[in-house]
Amino acid sequence: MKLREKLMHKYALSEKGASDMIKAFVSVTISDLVLMVPISMLYFLVEDYMNGTLAGKGMFYLAGCLISMVLIAVTTYIQYNATFLSTYVESGVRRITLAEKLRKIPLSFFGKKDLSDLTSTIMADCAMMETASSHFIPELVGACISTTLVAIGLFFFDWRMAIAALWVLPVSFAIVICSEKVQDKLNKKQMDYKMACADGIQEGLESVRDLQAYNYQDDYINGLDTKIHAVEKHAIVTELGMALFVGSAQMILKLGIATVALTGGYLLASGKIDIITFFMFLMVVSRIYDPMQVSLQNVAAINAAGVQSDRLDEILSHDVQEGTTVLDNKGYDIEFKNVGFSYDTKETVLKNVSFVAKQGEVTALIGPSGGGKTTVSRLASRFWDADCGTITVGGMDISRIDPETLMSLYSIVFQDVTLFNNTVMENIRIGKKDATDEEVIQAAKLAHCDEFIKKLSKGYDTVIGENGSELSGGERQRISIARAFLKDAPIILLDEATASLDVDNETFIQESLSRLIKDKTVMIIAHRMRTVANADKIVVLKDGVVAESGSPAELEKQNGIYKGMVNTQMLATEWNL
């Protein structure tokens, strides 16, 4: 694997970002080497002074000082552009890439992640990698390269003094590197505590009504306090663990000055080196240890950033759903052929599922909870990809179609409605971006939204709050149905679309839906038997398999699961207190 590819995976970089990081390595190395130029000038100045050859060289050293200052200024400017400026550009690219990646990643990925985890990855992890890419990584690599080059040069002067000056470097780095596993373990544990705390905060915000309703606030706060204290306690442990190793390494590093002084003093007294060489080594070690002191701290910081880098790379390296943007379907029949699916390797959700939802018909998916009804609807719209078997729309294998292109064929109404903190008009217009206000209002009327919308403070221009917090559950559901009316796609998926509606509104909506579904392929998921009583076909799913299939009249005669569910709900209607 090439260096650029290694950097891309290790530090969650784009191809250009990896190239820019290599440039940063070079610029930091040159900048560190340029800082040795004044020391070289001082060495030659002292040598000329002690040898009595300084006369007539004043202009030379003056020009040398000016050139040194210019070189330092130019290399510092180049280093800034190569590290900080390019990092800020890459940080923006990284966030956009993450967002694009998340948009294309199969929904199965999000089953393993919660909102706080993903938010932390996009915000906190990106910020940490931005700091690491601009401050830590280039400085460490540049210091290592420049120090190696200087070390080679020192051996040409005197190998004994070079050993005295440089032995502390491998020892110091060995201490830090050997601590990598310990630090990695501490950092991962710290991240686990942080995620647990973030989950607790998010849970509290989402369930504040239930907490108040059941007087559970004190218990919740106590639990959250425990999580916060765990974060604080482990943060101290993590910092102490890092300080122990880094501090020890830095103390070892400072011993280099002492060994240079002792070795140089001994060799000078023995007449094995001259005073100029001794002076030069003292100057060099006073300079060479400065970037290495920072580098040792950077090693620990880079180890700490490794956890964030792994979390980012998990998303960036994840497989995405791709396919052609050309639709070649003939009609809109949805056919499942021996489809199998599992959310993970441990539990099979669907096994050998086969049925056809024909265009112009209503196909209802019913059955006990956990039977796989919602999973079938998700597979039909390619929110997930089947593990085996094929799913076709009009004979077209949907696994070969780009998900966004495929979604142009679908109008979907979920049981859990998602609304945005925008006006009612714009929330409905999501169904068709270029729809006119008149088209939006007509769709709202079909979904029986018009009546309650007109009662709002600003009508269709009323901002309904985050996820429609200003509306009731039934009103939110009707707005979602209005979106489906507005989109008017050839395939309609209804996942408990009328579950939040009262009987009267459900009847009105069903009347409207009957107009919407004409000549379309309709799949309905429902638990109320009256909702599917007029379906053309019913598919009963139980334990991930098709247990029954046929028209309502045919299934009534079979005395099977469908007949049992109908009888159970009829008995339920007769129950009273």
Protein backbone atom coordinates (compact mmCIF):
# COMPACT_ATOMS: atom_id res chain seq x y z
CA MET A 1 0.00 0.00 0.00
CA LYS A 2 1.33 3.40 -0.96
CA LEU A 3 2.04 6.07 1.64
CA ARG A 4 -0.87 8.20 0.41
CA GLU A 5 -3.35 5.33 0.72
CA LYS A 6 -2.07 4.50 4.21
CA LEU A 7 -2.57 8.12 5.29
CA MET A 8 -6.08 8.19 3.80
CA HIS A 9 -7.21 5.21 5.88
CA LYS A 10 -5.23 5.95 9.03
CA TYR A 11 -6.29 9.60 9.36
CA ALA A 12 -9.60 9.60 7.43
CA LEU A 13 -8.29 11.84 4.63
CA SER A 14 -9.32 12.43 1.05
CA GLU A 15 -6.80 11.73 -1.70
CA LYS A 16 -5.95 15.44 -1.91
CA GLY A 17 -5.81 15.65 1.88
CA ALA A 18 -3.26 12.81 1.98
CA SER A 19 -1.16 14.56 -0.68
CA ASP A 20 -1.34 17.82 1.28
CA MET A 21 -0.24 16.02 4.44
CA ILE A 22 2.84 14.68 2.65
CA LYS A 23 3.60 18.25 1.57
CA ALA A 24 3.16 19.31 5.21
CA PHE A 25 5.74 16.70 6.27
CA VAL A 26 8.24 18.15 3.80
CA SER A 27 7.54 21.77 4.77
CA VAL A 28 7.89 21.10 8.51
CA THR A 29 11.14 19.19 7.91
CA ILE A 30 12.60 22.06 5.87
CA SER A 31 11.42 24.58 8.45
CA ASP A 32 13.13 22.66 11.27
CA LEU A 33 16.35 22.39 9.24
CA VAL A 34 16.31 26.10 8.43
CA LEU A 35 16.25 26.82 12.17
CA MET A 36 19.65 25.14 12.34
CA VAL A 37 21.12 27.74 9.96
CA PRO A 38 21.58 30.45 12.68
CA ILE A 39 23.37 27.85 14.85
CA SER A 40 25.69 27.06 11.96
CA MET A 41 26.39 30.75 11.46
CA LEU A 42 27.13 31.14 15.17
CA TYR A 43 29.50 28.16 15.03
CA PHE A 44 31.50 29.62 12.14
CA LEU A 45 31.51 33.07 13.80
CA VAL A 46 33.00 31.67 17.04
CA GLU A 47 35.49 29.57 15.08
CA ASP A 48 36.70 32.62 13.11
CA TYR A 49 36.91 34.68 16.28
CA MET A 50 39.00 32.11 18.13
CA ASN A 51 41.25 31.53 15.14
CA GLY A 52 41.68 35.27 14.63
CA THR A 53 40.28 35.18 11.10
CA LEU A 54 37.15 37.29 11.76
CA ALA A 55 38.55 40.46 10.19
CA GLY A 56 36.95 41.35 6.86
CA LYS A 57 34.06 38.87 7.25
CA GLY A 58 31.60 41.27 8.87
CA MET A 59 29.52 41.70 5.69
CA PHE A 60 29.46 37.93 5.18
CA TYR A 61 27.94 37.29 8.60
CA LEU A 62 25.56 40.26 8.26
CA ALA A 63 24.33 38.87 4.93
CA GLY A 64 24.08 35.44 6.55
CA CYS A 65 21.86 36.83 9.30
CA LEU A 66 19.59 38.53 6.78
CA ILE A 67 19.37 35.40 4.64
CA SER A 68 18.59 33.32 7.74
CA MET A 69 15.73 35.62 8.71
CA VAL A 70 14.33 35.56 5.16
CA LEU A 71 14.58 31.77 5.02
CA ILE A 72 12.84 31.40 8.39
CA ALA A 73 10.04 33.79 7.32
CA VAL A 74 9.53 32.05 3.94
CA THR A 75 9.59 28.51 5.36
CA THR A 76 7.23 29.52 8.19
CA TYR A 77 4.78 30.93 5.64
CA ILE A 78 5.01 27.79 3.51
CA GLN A 79 4.59 25.62 6.60
CA TYR A 80 1.47 27.54 7.64
CA ASN A 81 -0.13 27.05 4.23
CA ALA A 82 0.87 23.39 4.08
CA THR A 83 -0.38 22.55 7.58
CA PHE A 84 -3.04 24.90 8.92
CA LEU A 85 -4.60 26.27 5.73
CA SER A 86 -4.73 22.92 3.90
CA THR A 87 -6.06 21.24 7.05
CA TYR A 88 -8.96 23.68 7.30
CA VAL A 89 -9.82 23.00 3.66
CA GLU A 90 -9.57 19.25 4.26
CA SER A 91 -11.73 19.53 7.37
CA GLY A 92 -14.54 21.04 5.29
CA VAL A 93 -14.10 18.33 2.65
CA ARG A 94 -14.14 15.64 5.37
CA ARG A 95 -17.45 16.86 6.79
CA ILE A 96 -19.06 17.09 3.35
CA THR A 97 -17.72 13.64 2.45
CA LEU A 98 -19.13 12.24 5.69
CA ALA A 99 -22.54 13.73 4.96
CA GLU A 100 -22.50 12.35 1.40
CA LYS A 101 -21.36 8.96 2.67
CA LEU A 102 -24.08 8.84 5.31
CA ARG A 103 -26.62 9.65 2.61
CA LYS A 104 -25.59 6.60 0.57
CA ILE A 105 -24.84 4.11 3.33
CA PRO A 106 -27.47 1.37 3.74
CA LEU A 107 -29.89 1.85 6.61
CA SER A 108 -28.54 -1.32 8.18
CA PHE A 109 -25.53 0.76 9.30
CA PHE A 110 -27.73 3.13 11.28
CA GLY A 111 -29.20 0.23 13.21
CA LYS A 112 -25.80 -0.06 14.93
CA LYS A 113 -25.48 3.66 15.63
CA ASP A 114 -27.53 6.18 17.52
CA LEU A 115 -27.93 9.89 16.89
CA SER A 116 -25.51 11.04 19.59
CA ASP A 117 -22.80 8.72 18.28
CA LEU A 118 -23.13 10.00 14.70
CA THR A 119 -23.31 13.62 15.86
CA SER A 120 -20.15 13.15 17.89
CA THR A 121 -18.40 11.65 14.86
CA ILE A 122 -19.36 14.51 12.55
CA MET A 123 -18.58 17.29 15.02
CA ALA A 124 -16.17 16.30 17.83
CA ASP A 125 -14.19 13.62 15.97
CA CYS A 126 -13.73 15.87 12.94
CA ALA A 127 -12.54 18.72 15.17
CA MET A 128 -10.04 16.42 16.90
CA MET A 129 -8.67 15.18 13.56
CA GLU A 130 -8.43 18.78 12.37
CA THR A 131 -6.20 19.60 15.35
CA ALA A 132 -4.15 16.43 14.88
CA SER A 133 -3.61 17.12 11.16
CA SER A 134 -2.58 20.74 11.69
CA HIS A 135 -0.56 20.52 14.91
CA PHE A 136 0.42 16.99 15.85
CA ILE A 137 1.13 14.74 12.89
CA PRO A 138 3.20 17.05 10.62
CA GLU A 139 5.21 18.33 13.60
CA LEU A 140 6.03 14.79 14.71
CA VAL A 141 7.04 13.52 11.28
CA GLY A 142 8.96 16.69 10.44
CA ALA A 143 10.84 16.60 13.75
CA CYS A 144 11.77 12.93 13.27
CA ILE A 145 13.07 13.48 9.73
CA SER A 146 14.99 16.68 10.52
CA THR A 147 16.47 15.20 13.69
CA THR A 148 17.62 12.13 11.78
CA LEU A 149 19.36 14.30 9.18
CA VAL A 150 21.03 16.43 11.86
CA ALA A 151 22.05 13.28 13.76
CA ILE A 152 23.79 11.91 10.66
CA GLY A 153 25.66 15.19 10.34
CA LEU A 154 26.80 15.06 13.98
CA PHE A 155 28.50 11.71 13.44
CA PHE A 156 30.76 13.35 10.86
CA PHE A 157 32.04 15.74 13.52
CA ASP A 158 32.60 13.29 16.36
CA TRP A 159 30.90 9.92 16.83
CA ARG A 160 31.47 9.88 20.59
CA MET A 161 29.79 13.23 21.16
CA ALA A 162 27.04 12.24 18.71
CA ILE A 163 26.25 9.12 20.75
CA ALA A 164 26.26 11.18 23.95
CA ALA A 165 23.77 13.60 22.41
CA LEU A 166 21.49 11.14 20.64
CA TRP A 167 21.13 8.06 22.89
CA VAL A 168 18.21 9.64 24.72
CA LEU A 169 16.09 9.92 21.56
CA PRO A 170 15.43 6.21 20.89
CA VAL A 171 14.99 5.56 24.62
CA SER A 172 12.42 8.37 24.98
CA PHE A 173 10.46 7.30 21.92
CA ALA A 174 10.60 3.66 23.00
CA ILE A 175 8.89 4.60 26.28
CA VAL A 176 6.11 6.45 24.48
CA ILE A 177 5.66 3.83 21.76
CA CYS A 178 5.57 0.97 24.27
CA SER A 179 2.78 2.80 26.08
CA GLU A 180 0.65 2.93 22.92
CA LYS A 181 -1.47 -0.11 23.83
CA VAL A 182 -2.13 1.23 27.32
CA GLN A 183 -3.04 4.66 25.97
CA ASP A 184 -5.23 3.15 23.24
CA LYS A 185 -7.14 1.14 25.84
CA LEU A 186 -7.61 4.20 28.04
CA ASN A 187 -8.76 6.34 25.10
CA LYS A 188 -11.29 3.76 23.91
CA LYS A 189 -12.66 3.41 27.42
CA GLN A 190 -12.92 7.19 27.68
CA MET A 191 -14.84 7.32 24.39
CA ASP A 192 -17.24 4.65 25.68
CA TYR A 193 -17.94 6.73 28.78
CA LYS A 194 -18.46 9.86 26.66
CA MET A 195 -20.92 8.07 24.34
CA ALA A 196 -22.82 6.67 27.32
CA CYS A 197 -23.10 10.17 28.75
CA ALA A 198 -24.20 11.64 25.40
CA ASP A 199 -26.80 8.88 25.02
CA GLY A 200 -28.12 9.64 28.48
CA ILE A 201 -28.48 13.36 27.70
CA GLN A 202 -30.21 12.64 24.40
CA GLU A 203 -32.53 10.11 26.05
CA GLY A 204 -33.53 12.70 28.64
CA LEU A 205 -34.29 15.34 26.02
CA GLU A 206 -36.38 12.92 23.97
CA SER A 207 -38.35 11.51 26.92
CA VAL A 208 -38.83 14.60 29.11
CA ARG A 209 -42.65 14.18 28.93
CA ASP A 210 -42.54 10.59 30.18
CA LEU A 211 -40.06 11.49 32.91
CA GLN A 212 -42.42 14.15 34.22
CA ALA A 213 -45.51 12.00 33.78
CA TYR A 214 -44.08 9.21 35.96
CA ASN A 215 -42.09 11.44 38.37
CA TYR A 216 -38.90 9.78 37.23
CA GLN A 217 -36.83 12.96 37.00
CA ASP A 218 -34.81 12.33 40.16
CA ASP A 219 -33.90 8.77 39.17
CA TYR A 220 -32.94 9.93 35.69
CA ILE A 221 -30.80 12.80 37.03
CA ASN A 222 -29.05 10.44 39.45
CA GLY A 223 -28.28 8.05 36.61
CA LEU A 224 -27.00 10.91 34.44
CA ASP A 225 -24.84 12.21 37.31
CA THR A 226 -23.28 8.77 37.59
CA LYS A 227 -22.42 8.80 33.88
CA ILE A 228 -20.97 12.33 34.08
CA HIS A 229 -18.83 11.41 37.10
CA ALA A 230 -17.61 8.33 35.24
CA VAL A 231 -16.49 10.55 32.33
CA GLU A 232 -14.70 12.97 34.67
CA LYS A 233 -13.06 10.20 36.70
CA HIS A 234 -11.79 8.31 33.67
CA ALA A 235 -10.63 11.54 32.02
CA ILE A 236 -8.31 12.09 35.01
CA VAL A 237 -7.08 8.50 34.79
CA THR A 238 -6.45 8.87 31.04
CA GLU A 239 -4.55 12.14 31.48
CA LEU A 240 -2.46 10.70 34.31
CA GLY A 241 -1.66 7.62 32.24
CA MET A 242 -0.46 9.77 29.36
CA ALA A 243 1.45 12.16 31.62
CA LEU A 244 3.25 9.27 33.28
CA PHE A 245 4.74 7.98 30.04
CA VAL A 246 5.27 11.32 28.29
CA GLY A 247 6.74 12.93 31.41
CA SER A 248 9.14 10.03 31.87
CA ALA A 249 10.22 10.26 28.23
CA GLN A 250 10.82 14.00 28.48
CA MET A 251 12.90 13.58 31.64
CA ILE A 252 15.06 11.03 29.83
CA LEU A 253 15.40 13.44 26.92
CA LYS A 254 16.78 16.19 29.16
CA LEU A 255 19.52 13.86 30.32
CA GLY A 256 21.06 14.30 26.88
CA ILE A 257 22.35 17.77 27.76
CA ALA A 258 24.03 16.36 30.85
CA THR A 259 25.68 13.48 28.99
CA VAL A 260 26.92 15.88 26.28
CA ALA A 261 28.40 18.17 28.92
CA LEU A 262 30.06 15.31 30.84
CA THR A 263 31.33 13.50 27.74
CA GLY A 264 32.50 16.74 26.15
CA GLY A 265 34.24 17.85 29.32
CA TYR A 266 36.06 14.56 29.59
CA LEU A 267 37.12 14.53 25.92
CA LEU A 268 38.14 18.19 26.07
CA ALA A 269 40.25 17.60 29.17
CA SER A 270 41.84 14.60 27.45
CA GLY A 271 42.63 16.72 24.41
CA LYS A 272 40.54 14.48 22.13
CA ILE A 273 38.29 17.31 20.95
CA ASP A 274 38.72 21.03 20.70
CA ILE A 275 36.65 23.72 22.39
CA ILE A 276 34.88 24.63 19.14
CA THR A 277 33.50 21.11 18.68
CA PHE A 278 32.38 21.04 22.31
CA PHE A 279 30.68 24.40 21.88
CA MET A 280 28.98 23.28 18.67
CA PHE A 281 27.49 20.15 20.27
CA LEU A 282 26.16 22.16 23.21
CA MET A 283 24.42 24.54 20.83
CA VAL A 284 23.01 21.73 18.68
CA VAL A 285 21.57 19.71 21.57
CA SER A 286 19.95 22.81 23.01
CA ARG A 287 18.12 23.20 19.67
CA ILE A 288 17.58 19.61 18.62
CA TYR A 289 15.72 18.64 21.80
CA ASP A 290 13.09 21.41 21.47
CA PRO A 291 11.12 19.88 18.58
CA MET A 292 11.58 16.42 20.08
CA GLN A 293 10.02 17.57 23.38
CA VAL A 294 6.94 18.65 21.41
CA SER A 295 7.05 15.50 19.32
CA LEU A 296 6.84 13.28 22.38
CA GLN A 297 3.68 15.07 23.42
CA ASN A 298 2.43 14.72 19.85
CA VAL A 299 2.92 10.95 19.94
CA ALA A 300 0.54 10.76 22.89
CA ALA A 301 -1.92 13.13 21.20
CA ILE A 302 -1.80 11.12 17.96
CA ASN A 303 -2.48 7.93 19.92
CA ALA A 304 -5.48 9.66 21.50
CA ALA A 305 -6.72 10.77 18.07
CA GLY A 306 -6.49 7.20 16.80
CA VAL A 307 -9.90 6.35 18.31
CA GLN A 308 -11.55 9.26 16.50
CA SER A 309 -9.77 8.36 13.29
CA ASP A 310 -11.06 4.77 13.47
CA ARG A 311 -14.62 6.01 14.02
CA LEU A 312 -14.38 8.31 10.99
CA ASP A 313 -12.80 5.63 8.81
CA GLU A 314 -15.59 3.22 9.77
CA ILE A 315 -18.03 5.51 7.97
CA LEU A 316 -15.79 6.60 5.10
CA SER A 317 -14.76 3.01 4.28
CA HIS A 318 -18.26 1.56 4.56
CA ASP A 319 -19.82 0.06 1.45
CA VAL A 320 -22.49 2.19 -0.20
CA GLN A 321 -25.54 1.32 -2.24
CA GLU A 322 -24.85 2.11 -5.88
CA GLY A 323 -26.43 1.36 -9.22
CA THR A 324 -27.48 2.68 -12.58
CA THR A 325 -29.60 5.80 -12.94
CA VAL A 326 -31.41 4.35 -15.96
CA LEU A 327 -34.82 2.79 -15.25
CA ASP A 328 -35.82 -0.03 -17.62
CA ASN A 329 -38.83 -1.42 -15.78
CA LYS A 330 -41.89 -2.60 -17.69
CA GLY A 331 -44.78 -1.73 -15.43
CA TYR A 332 -44.66 -1.51 -11.63
CA ASP A 333 -45.31 -5.02 -10.33
CA ILE A 334 -43.21 -5.70 -7.22
CA GLU A 335 -42.02 -9.31 -7.05
CA PHE A 336 -40.14 -11.01 -4.22
CA LYS A 337 -38.32 -14.19 -5.33
CA ASN A 338 -36.95 -16.41 -2.55
CA VAL A 339 -35.80 -13.40 -0.53
CA GLY A 340 -33.82 -13.90 2.67
CA PHE A 341 -32.59 -11.20 5.02
CA SER A 342 -31.05 -10.69 8.44
CA TYR A 343 -30.10 -7.50 10.26
CA ASP A 344 -27.02 -9.24 11.55
CA THR A 345 -25.49 -12.65 11.27
CA LYS A 346 -27.23 -13.89 14.41
CA GLU A 347 -30.92 -13.50 13.59
CA THR A 348 -32.72 -14.29 10.33
CA VAL A 349 -35.70 -11.98 9.76
CA LEU A 350 -36.94 -13.25 6.37
CA LYS A 351 -36.63 -16.75 4.93
CA ASN A 352 -37.45 -17.65 1.33
CA VAL A 353 -40.16 -14.97 0.96
CA SER A 354 -41.93 -14.99 -2.42
CA PHE A 355 -45.00 -13.04 -3.56
CA VAL A 356 -46.12 -10.51 -6.19
CA ALA A 357 -47.70 -7.11 -5.52
CA LYS A 358 -49.41 -6.32 -8.84
CA GLN A 359 -49.92 -2.91 -10.39
CA GLY A 360 -53.50 -1.71 -10.01
CA GLU A 361 -53.99 -3.81 -6.88
CA VAL A 362 -53.70 -3.28 -3.14
CA THR A 363 -51.46 -5.83 -1.45
CA ALA A 364 -51.72 -5.89 2.33
CA LEU A 365 -48.97 -7.25 4.58
CA ILE A 366 -50.30 -8.47 7.90
CA GLY A 367 -49.29 -10.84 10.65
CA PRO A 368 -48.04 -10.98 14.24
CA SER A 369 -45.53 -8.39 15.44
CA GLY A 370 -41.96 -9.27 14.49
CA GLY A 371 -43.09 -11.31 11.49
CA GLY A 372 -41.13 -9.18 8.98
CA LYS A 373 -43.80 -6.88 7.53
CA THR A 374 -41.86 -3.62 7.89
CA THR A 375 -38.67 -5.36 6.74
CA VAL A 376 -40.41 -6.38 3.50
CA SER A 377 -41.44 -2.78 2.82
CA ARG A 378 -37.91 -1.55 3.51
CA LEU A 379 -36.43 -4.13 1.16
CA ALA A 380 -38.99 -3.25 -1.51
CA SER A 381 -37.76 0.36 -1.49
CA ARG A 382 -34.08 -0.70 -1.16
CA PHE A 383 -33.52 0.83 2.22
CA TRP A 384 -31.65 -2.42 2.77
CA ASP A 385 -30.37 -5.01 0.30
CA ALA A 386 -31.55 -8.61 0.56
CA ASP A 387 -29.03 -11.26 1.61
CA CYS A 388 -30.32 -13.67 -1.00
CA GLY A 389 -33.01 -13.86 -3.66
CA THR A 390 -34.14 -10.98 -5.90
CA ILE A 391 -36.64 -8.14 -5.69
CA THR A 392 -37.88 -6.67 -8.96
CA VAL A 393 -40.05 -3.75 -10.04
CA GLY A 394 -41.55 -4.35 -13.46
CA GLY A 395 -38.93 -7.05 -14.04
CA MET A 396 -36.10 -4.65 -13.08
CA ASP A 397 -33.73 -5.88 -10.37
CA ILE A 398 -33.77 -3.03 -7.82
CA SER A 399 -30.34 -4.03 -6.45
CA ARG A 400 -28.85 -2.69 -9.71
CA ILE A 401 -30.61 0.70 -9.43
CA ASP A 402 -29.26 3.77 -7.68
CA PRO A 403 -31.37 4.20 -4.50
CA GLU A 404 -32.16 7.86 -5.15
CA THR A 405 -33.23 7.09 -8.72
CA LEU A 406 -35.34 4.18 -7.47
CA MET A 407 -37.08 6.38 -4.90
CA SER A 408 -38.55 8.49 -7.72
CA LEU A 409 -40.97 5.58 -8.23
CA TYR A 410 -42.16 5.48 -4.59
CA SER A 411 -44.46 7.43 -2.32
CA ILE A 412 -43.94 6.22 1.24
CA VAL A 413 -45.95 6.99 4.37
CA PHE A 414 -44.30 5.74 7.55
CA GLN A 415 -45.89 5.12 10.90
CA ASP A 416 -43.21 7.30 12.50
CA VAL A 417 -43.60 10.61 10.71
CA THR A 418 -40.64 12.96 10.31
CA LEU A 419 -41.43 16.65 9.98
CA PHE A 420 -39.09 19.61 9.86
CA ASN A 421 -38.98 22.91 11.71
CA ASN A 422 -40.49 24.76 8.79
CA THR A 423 -43.88 25.89 7.56
CA VAL A 424 -46.72 23.50 6.85
CA MET A 425 -46.48 24.44 3.17
CA GLU A 426 -42.81 23.49 2.90
CA ASN A 427 -43.27 20.29 4.90
CA ILE A 428 -45.85 19.09 2.40
CA ARG A 429 -43.84 20.36 -0.58
CA ILE A 430 -41.10 17.85 0.27
CA GLY A 431 -43.20 15.39 -1.71
CA LYS A 432 -42.59 17.41 -4.88
CA LYS A 433 -39.97 20.16 -4.72
CA ASP A 434 -41.26 22.17 -7.69
CA ALA A 435 -44.93 21.98 -6.70
CA THR A 436 -46.96 25.19 -6.77
CA ASP A 437 -48.81 26.47 -3.71
CA GLU A 438 -52.09 25.44 -5.36
CA GLU A 439 -50.84 21.86 -5.82
CA VAL A 440 -49.73 21.71 -2.19
CA ILE A 441 -53.11 22.96 -0.97
CA GLN A 442 -54.95 20.46 -3.18
CA ALA A 443 -52.85 17.60 -1.73
CA ALA A 444 -53.59 18.88 1.79
CA LYS A 445 -57.31 18.84 1.04
CA LEU A 446 -57.13 15.25 -0.23
CA ALA A 447 -55.40 14.26 3.03
CA HIS A 448 -58.00 16.18 5.06
CA CYS A 449 -55.35 18.58 6.37
CA ASP A 450 -56.95 21.77 5.12
CA GLU A 451 -59.39 22.08 7.99
CA PHE A 452 -56.87 22.02 10.86
CA ILE A 453 -54.24 23.97 8.87
CA LYS A 454 -56.63 26.92 8.47
CA LYS A 455 -57.06 27.00 12.25
CA LEU A 456 -53.32 27.52 12.77
CA SER A 457 -52.08 31.04 13.54
CA LYS A 458 -50.65 31.64 10.05
CA GLY A 459 -52.35 28.86 8.12
CA TYR A 460 -50.05 27.17 5.63
CA ASP A 461 -47.24 29.58 6.61
CA THR A 462 -47.25 28.41 10.24
CA VAL A 463 -43.91 27.04 11.49
CA ILE A 464 -44.78 23.73 13.16
CA GLY A 465 -41.65 23.26 15.31
CA GLU A 466 -39.06 20.51 15.37
CA ASN A 467 -40.63 17.28 14.10
CA GLY A 468 -44.06 18.94 14.14
CA SER A 469 -44.09 19.49 17.90
CA GLU A 470 -46.96 21.98 17.53
CA LEU A 471 -49.24 19.33 15.97
CA SER A 472 -51.03 16.24 17.24
CA GLY A 473 -50.03 12.75 16.15
CA GLY A 474 -52.98 12.47 13.77
CA GLU A 475 -52.26 15.90 12.23
CA ARG A 476 -48.62 14.97 11.66
CA GLN A 477 -49.69 11.73 10.00
CA ARG A 478 -52.07 13.55 7.66
CA ILE A 479 -49.32 15.92 6.55
CA SER A 480 -47.19 12.86 5.72
CA ILE A 481 -50.09 11.44 3.69
CA ALA A 482 -50.43 14.80 1.93
CA ARG A 483 -46.80 14.45 0.81
CA ALA A 484 -47.67 11.11 -0.79
CA PHE A 485 -50.64 12.67 -2.58
CA LEU A 486 -48.43 15.48 -3.85
CA LYS A 487 -45.67 13.16 -5.14
CA ASP A 488 -48.20 10.94 -6.93
CA ALA A 489 -45.63 8.19 -7.58
CA PRO A 490 -46.59 4.90 -9.32
CA ILE A 491 -45.72 2.80 -6.23
CA ILE A 492 -47.20 3.52 -2.81
CA LEU A 493 -45.98 2.01 0.46
CA LEU A 494 -48.15 2.61 3.51
CA ASP A 495 -46.66 1.50 6.82
CA GLU A 496 -49.47 1.84 9.37
CA ALA A 497 -50.33 5.09 7.60
CA THR A 498 -53.63 5.58 9.46
CA ALA A 499 -52.54 4.20 12.85
CA SER A 500 -52.61 7.63 14.52
CA LEU A 501 -56.00 8.65 13.10
CA ASP A 502 -59.41 8.38 14.68
CA VAL A 503 -62.08 6.29 12.97
CA ASP A 504 -63.73 9.23 11.17
CA ASN A 505 -60.49 10.62 9.77
CA GLU A 506 -59.30 7.14 8.87
CA THR A 507 -62.45 6.66 6.80
CA PHE A 508 -61.92 10.01 5.02
CA ILE A 509 -58.27 9.20 4.32
CA GLN A 510 -59.11 5.77 2.96
CA GLU A 511 -61.63 7.34 0.61
CA SER A 512 -58.92 9.73 -0.59
CA LEU A 513 -56.38 6.92 -0.87
CA SER A 514 -58.75 4.96 -3.05
CA ARG A 515 -58.45 7.78 -5.60
CA LEU A 516 -54.69 8.03 -5.18
CA ILE A 517 -53.98 4.33 -5.71
CA LYS A 518 -55.81 3.97 -9.01
CA ASP A 519 -53.56 2.10 -11.52
CA LYS A 520 -50.75 2.10 -8.97
CA THR A 521 -48.90 -0.62 -7.08
CA VAL A 522 -49.90 -0.37 -3.44
CA MET A 523 -48.43 -2.20 -0.44
CA ILE A 524 -50.08 -1.65 2.92
CA ILE A 525 -48.82 -2.71 6.33
CA ALA A 526 -51.62 -2.70 8.87
CA HIS A 527 -52.76 -4.27 12.13
CA ARG A 528 -56.38 -3.14 11.90
CA MET A 529 -58.26 -5.71 9.85
CA ARG A 530 -60.84 -3.14 8.73
CA THR A 531 -57.99 -1.26 7.02
CA VAL A 532 -57.19 -4.22 4.76
CA ALA A 533 -60.67 -5.64 4.36
CA ASN A 534 -60.95 -4.27 0.83
CA ALA A 535 -57.42 -5.23 -0.27
CA ASP A 536 -57.06 -7.25 -3.46
CA LYS A 537 -54.43 -9.52 -1.94
CA ILE A 538 -53.28 -10.28 1.57
CA VAL A 539 -49.86 -11.69 2.44
CA VAL A 540 -49.60 -13.05 5.97
CA LEU A 541 -46.07 -13.03 7.37
CA LYS A 542 -45.17 -15.02 10.46
CA ASP A 543 -41.67 -15.72 11.75
CA GLY A 544 -40.15 -14.39 8.53
CA VAL A 545 -42.04 -16.63 6.09
CA VAL A 546 -45.19 -16.28 3.99
CA ALA A 547 -47.67 -18.26 6.06
CA GLU A 548 -50.76 -17.41 3.96
CA SER A 549 -51.52 -15.56 0.74
CA GLY A 550 -54.70 -14.77 -1.16
CA SER A 551 -57.75 -12.52 -1.26
CA PRO A 552 -59.63 -11.72 1.99
CA ALA A 553 -62.45 -14.04 0.92
CA GLU A 554 -60.02 -16.90 0.20
CA LEU A 555 -58.25 -16.51 3.52
CA GLU A 556 -61.57 -16.38 5.39
CA LYS A 557 -62.26 -19.91 4.17
CA GLN A 558 -58.87 -21.25 5.31
CA ASN A 559 -59.46 -20.76 9.03
CA GLY A 560 -55.82 -19.73 9.40
CA ILE A 561 -53.92 -16.78 10.86
CA TYR A 562 -55.92 -14.15 8.96
CA LYS A 563 -59.26 -15.56 10.10
CA GLY A 564 -57.96 -15.70 13.67
CA MET A 565 -56.81 -12.05 13.60
CA VAL A 566 -60.20 -10.93 12.23
CA ASN A 567 -62.09 -12.84 14.93
CA THR A 568 -59.79 -11.50 17.67
CA GLN A 569 -60.34 -7.87 16.64
CA MET A 570 -64.10 -8.41 16.39
CA LEU A 571 -64.10 -9.71 19.96
CA ALA A 572 -61.99 -6.71 21.03
CA THR A 573 -64.62 -4.29 19.74
CA GLU A 574 -67.19 -5.91 21.99
CA TRP A 575 -65.03 -5.60 25.10
CA ASN A 576 -66.06 -2.97 27.66
CA LEU A 577 -65.24 -1.91 31.20
